[in-house]
Amino acid sequence: MEEGGNWCLIESDPGVFTELIGNMGVKGVQVEEIYTLDDDFSTLDHVYGIVFLFKWENNKQSSDISNSSDDRFDNNQPIFIKQIVQNACATQALLSILLNHDQIELGPELANLKDFMQQLDPHSRGLVLSNSEVIRQVHNSFARQQLIEKDNDDHSDDSKDNDLFHFVAYIPFNNLTYKLDGLSNGPILVSDPNRSADLPLGWIKDALFDIKQKISSIGDGFDIRFNLMA
């Protein structure tokens, strides 16, 4: 199976994300933006996951990748999708949350996608996603205006690396907290061993701790936005 067509960059906006997942058939889920790591999450019901957007720096990703694991055919780990196509990481982060919660009403398109992906390895899942014409068309319908899609060669141009951003998802799964980053080899466990993720807000504290560490590693802390799926 080969990669599908082009995927455009889309805006990191809660309204865009809510409409995007609705157009894919999801019901009863919306995305809200969080402006500080100290927000009171207790006021929100049914927090399914956190989408984290940050400036991507190629030389600072190795630690996450080395701590991840391949979830091939492992039902005890979340559904993890390897990122195959460029510019799909926003939609992929949203799907990483949606496909790992049985309580969410996915709609026929995503329900069929989830069933088909269950027994595939992460790379094959990435190929399946890249070849989903329905999801690609929905994604591209939210393309940012006046934006020229970057070529793969841009990753080797240091002058352009500062303009690259990446999305990852944090979810609770089997009483543990995972980071799902399509550029890694598999789900990344970020749970505090002294805290159960099934406790109220327990997994969110794990996620926020990991996010704070990421912000610290980036350095200046600028150009970082947070979105919460609730």
Protein backbone atom coordinates (compact mmCIF):
# COMPACT_ATOMS: atom_id res chain seq x y z
CA MET A 1 0.00 0.00 0.00
CA GLU A 2 1.34 3.44 -0.97
CA GLU A 3 0.84 6.82 0.65
CA GLY A 4 -2.30 8.75 -0.24
CA GLY A 5 -2.61 12.28 -1.63
CA ASN A 6 -1.42 15.53 -0.13
CA TRP A 7 -2.57 16.70 3.30
CA CYS A 8 -2.64 20.45 4.00
CA LEU A 9 -1.67 22.24 7.19
CA ILE A 10 -4.69 23.30 9.24
CA GLU A 11 -5.15 25.94 11.92
CA SER A 12 -4.79 25.00 15.57
CA ASP A 13 -8.19 26.28 16.62
CA PRO A 14 -10.75 24.60 18.91
CA GLY A 15 -13.63 25.62 16.66
CA VAL A 16 -11.89 24.15 13.62
CA PHE A 17 -11.12 20.93 15.49
CA THR A 18 -14.69 20.60 16.75
CA GLU A 19 -16.11 21.08 13.26
CA LEU A 20 -13.50 18.75 11.76
CA ILE A 21 -14.35 15.81 14.00
CA GLY A 22 -18.05 16.53 13.54
CA ASN A 23 -17.61 16.34 9.77
CA MET A 24 -15.96 12.94 10.25
CA GLY A 25 -19.14 11.75 11.97
CA VAL A 26 -18.28 12.15 15.66
CA LYS A 27 -21.16 13.23 17.89
CA GLY A 28 -21.24 14.82 21.33
CA VAL A 29 -17.57 15.89 21.48
CA GLN A 30 -16.08 19.37 21.34
CA VAL A 31 -12.61 20.87 21.66
CA GLU A 32 -11.87 23.66 24.12
CA GLU A 33 -8.68 25.69 24.37
CA ILE A 34 -6.74 25.81 27.62
CA TYR A 35 -4.68 28.94 28.17
CA THR A 36 -2.65 27.92 31.20
CA LEU A 37 -1.37 24.74 32.78
CA ASP A 38 -3.09 25.76 36.01
CA ASP A 39 -6.65 25.73 34.63
CA ASP A 40 -9.29 24.05 36.78
CA PHE A 41 -10.13 20.89 34.83
CA SER A 42 -12.71 19.89 37.42
CA THR A 43 -15.20 22.23 35.74
CA LEU A 44 -15.11 20.15 32.55
CA ASP A 45 -17.01 16.91 32.07
CA HIS A 46 -15.75 13.87 30.15
CA VAL A 47 -12.22 14.98 29.35
CA TYR A 48 -11.14 12.44 26.75
CA GLY A 49 -7.68 13.72 25.97
CA ILE A 50 -5.31 16.64 25.57
CA VAL A 51 -3.86 17.80 22.26
CA PHE A 52 -0.52 19.56 22.69
CA LEU A 53 0.97 21.75 19.98
CA PHE A 54 4.63 22.73 20.22
CA LYS A 55 7.52 23.93 18.11
CA TRP A 56 9.17 20.89 16.56
CA GLU A 57 12.96 20.71 16.73
CA ASN A 58 14.53 17.72 15.03
CA ASN A 59 17.51 17.49 17.38
CA LYS A 60 15.32 17.30 20.49
CA GLN A 61 13.03 14.40 19.64
CA SER A 62 15.31 11.42 20.23
CA SER A 63 14.52 10.99 23.93
CA ASP A 64 10.79 10.54 23.31
CA ILE A 65 11.39 8.13 20.47
CA SER A 66 13.79 5.99 22.48
CA ASN A 67 11.28 5.68 25.34
CA SER A 68 8.41 4.52 23.13
CA SER A 69 7.41 0.99 22.23
CA ASP A 70 5.84 -0.73 19.25
CA ASP A 71 2.23 -1.67 20.10
CA ARG A 72 1.85 -4.21 17.30
CA PHE A 73 -1.16 -6.46 18.03
CA ASP A 74 -1.09 -5.46 21.72
CA ASN A 75 -4.63 -4.97 22.99
CA ASN A 76 -3.25 -3.80 26.33
CA GLN A 77 -1.91 -0.62 24.73
CA PRO A 78 -3.73 2.21 22.94
CA ILE A 79 -4.28 2.24 19.21
CA PHE A 80 -1.16 4.01 17.95
CA ILE A 81 -0.85 5.33 14.40
CA LYS A 82 2.56 6.01 12.91
CA GLN A 83 2.62 9.34 11.07
CA ILE A 84 3.26 8.54 7.42
CA VAL A 85 2.08 11.66 5.61
CA GLN A 86 3.24 15.19 6.25
CA ASN A 87 0.89 17.78 7.75
CA ALA A 88 -1.55 15.15 9.07
CA CYS A 89 -0.44 15.36 12.71
CA ALA A 90 -3.32 17.61 13.84
CA THR A 91 -5.99 15.21 12.60
CA GLN A 92 -3.89 12.25 13.71
CA ALA A 93 -3.67 13.62 17.27
CA LEU A 94 -7.44 14.01 17.35
CA LEU A 95 -7.92 10.47 16.04
CA SER A 96 -5.50 9.17 18.67
CA ILE A 97 -7.97 10.38 21.28
CA LEU A 98 -11.19 9.46 19.50
CA LEU A 99 -10.19 5.90 18.58
CA ASN A 100 -9.14 5.03 22.12
CA HIS A 101 -12.42 5.78 23.90
CA ASP A 102 -15.29 3.32 23.61
CA GLN A 103 -17.70 5.90 25.06
CA ILE A 104 -17.38 8.23 22.07
CA GLU A 105 -19.95 7.95 19.27
CA LEU A 106 -17.61 7.79 16.29
CA GLY A 107 -20.00 7.48 13.40
CA PRO A 108 -19.72 4.81 10.68
CA GLU A 109 -16.53 6.07 8.97
CA LEU A 110 -14.35 6.18 12.08
CA ALA A 111 -15.98 3.11 13.62
CA ASN A 112 -15.05 1.08 10.53
CA LEU A 113 -11.56 2.60 10.55
CA LYS A 114 -11.08 1.64 14.19
CA ASP A 115 -12.23 -1.94 13.62
CA PHE A 116 -9.92 -2.31 10.62
CA MET A 117 -6.91 -0.87 12.45
CA GLN A 118 -7.23 -3.03 15.56
CA GLN A 119 -4.99 -5.85 14.32
CA LEU A 120 -2.58 -3.76 12.25
CA ASP A 121 0.88 -2.59 13.24
CA PRO A 122 1.43 1.20 13.66
CA HIS A 123 3.04 1.71 10.25
CA SER A 124 0.21 -0.09 8.46
CA ARG A 125 -2.30 2.01 10.38
CA GLY A 126 -0.50 5.10 9.14
CA LEU A 127 -0.80 3.89 5.57
CA VAL A 128 -4.50 3.14 6.05
CA LEU A 129 -5.07 6.65 7.38
CA SER A 130 -3.08 8.26 4.58
CA ASN A 131 -5.25 6.42 2.04
CA SER A 132 -8.57 7.38 3.65
CA GLU A 133 -10.00 9.74 1.06
CA VAL A 134 -12.91 10.68 3.31
CA ILE A 135 -10.71 11.77 6.22
CA ARG A 136 -8.20 13.48 3.94
CA GLN A 137 -10.93 15.53 2.26
CA VAL A 138 -12.40 16.56 5.60
CA HIS A 139 -8.91 17.49 6.84
CA ASN A 140 -8.06 19.50 3.72
CA SER A 141 -11.35 21.38 3.85
CA PHE A 142 -9.86 23.26 6.82
CA ALA A 143 -6.59 24.18 5.09
CA ARG A 144 -5.11 27.48 6.24
CA GLN A 145 -5.46 30.29 3.73
CA GLN A 146 -2.41 31.64 1.87
CA LEU A 147 -0.28 28.76 3.11
CA ILE A 148 2.19 26.95 0.89
CA GLU A 149 2.64 23.35 1.95
CA LYS A 150 6.19 22.56 3.01
CA ASP A 151 8.19 19.97 1.12
CA ASN A 152 10.00 17.20 2.95
CA ASP A 153 13.26 19.00 2.14
CA ASP A 154 12.26 21.78 4.53
CA HIS A 155 13.18 19.56 7.47
CA SER A 156 16.84 19.83 6.51
CA ASP A 157 16.77 23.63 6.29
CA ASP A 158 17.73 25.06 9.69
CA SER A 159 16.33 28.46 8.77
CA LYS A 160 12.86 26.94 8.43
CA ASP A 161 12.86 24.55 11.38
CA ASN A 162 11.63 27.35 13.65
CA ASP A 163 8.40 27.43 11.65
CA LEU A 164 7.60 23.73 12.12
CA PHE A 165 5.01 22.71 14.69
CA HIS A 166 3.85 19.31 15.84
CA PHE A 167 0.77 17.88 17.58
CA VAL A 168 0.73 15.05 20.10
CA ALA A 169 -2.11 13.57 22.15
CA TYR A 170 -2.35 12.53 25.80
CA ILE A 171 -4.97 9.99 26.87
CA PRO A 172 -5.94 7.77 29.80
CA PHE A 173 -5.93 4.07 28.89
CA ASN A 174 -6.28 1.05 31.19
CA ASN A 175 -5.63 3.24 34.25
CA LEU A 176 -2.38 4.55 32.75
CA THR A 177 -1.49 7.79 30.99
CA TYR A 178 0.00 7.71 27.49
CA LYS A 179 1.45 10.21 25.08
CA LEU A 180 0.71 9.35 21.45
CA ASP A 181 3.20 10.99 19.10
CA GLY A 182 3.03 9.83 15.50
CA LEU A 183 6.75 10.49 15.05
CA SER A 184 7.62 8.01 17.81
CA ASN A 185 7.75 4.24 17.47
CA GLY A 186 4.77 3.57 19.72
CA PRO A 187 2.78 4.79 22.75
CA ILE A 188 4.87 6.59 25.38
CA LEU A 189 3.96 5.84 29.00
CA VAL A 190 3.98 9.02 31.10
CA SER A 191 2.14 7.81 34.21
CA ASP A 192 3.26 8.63 37.71
CA PRO A 193 3.63 5.17 39.33
CA ASN A 194 2.34 6.61 42.61
CA ARG A 195 -0.91 7.86 41.12
CA SER A 196 -3.71 5.95 39.41
CA ALA A 197 -4.88 7.52 36.17
CA ASP A 198 -8.44 6.37 36.82
CA LEU A 199 -8.72 8.73 39.78
CA PRO A 200 -10.44 12.07 39.08
CA LEU A 201 -7.95 14.23 37.16
CA GLY A 202 -5.14 11.74 37.87
CA TRP A 203 -4.19 11.18 34.26
CA ILE A 204 -4.44 14.91 33.51
CA LYS A 205 -1.83 15.63 36.18
CA ASP A 206 0.46 13.10 34.51
CA ALA A 207 -0.07 14.75 31.13
CA LEU A 208 0.48 18.28 32.41
CA PHE A 209 3.68 17.23 34.15
CA ASP A 210 5.01 15.81 30.88
CA ILE A 211 3.92 18.93 28.99
CA LYS A 212 5.74 21.15 31.48
CA GLN A 213 8.89 19.09 30.96
CA LYS A 214 8.52 19.51 27.20
CA ILE A 215 8.11 23.26 27.53
CA SER A 216 11.22 23.40 29.69
CA SER A 217 13.22 21.42 27.13
CA ILE A 218 12.15 23.74 24.32
CA GLY A 219 13.66 26.66 26.19
CA ASP A 220 11.93 29.94 25.44
CA GLY A 221 8.40 28.60 25.85
CA PHE A 222 7.02 30.72 23.02
CA ASP A 223 4.74 29.55 20.20
CA ILE A 224 3.13 26.89 22.38
CA ARG A 225 -0.63 26.42 22.48
CA PHE A 226 -2.84 23.98 24.28
CA ASN A 227 -6.10 22.41 23.21
CA LEU A 228 -8.33 20.24 25.34
CA MET A 229 -10.79 17.72 23.96
CA ALA A 230 -13.81 17.61 26.24
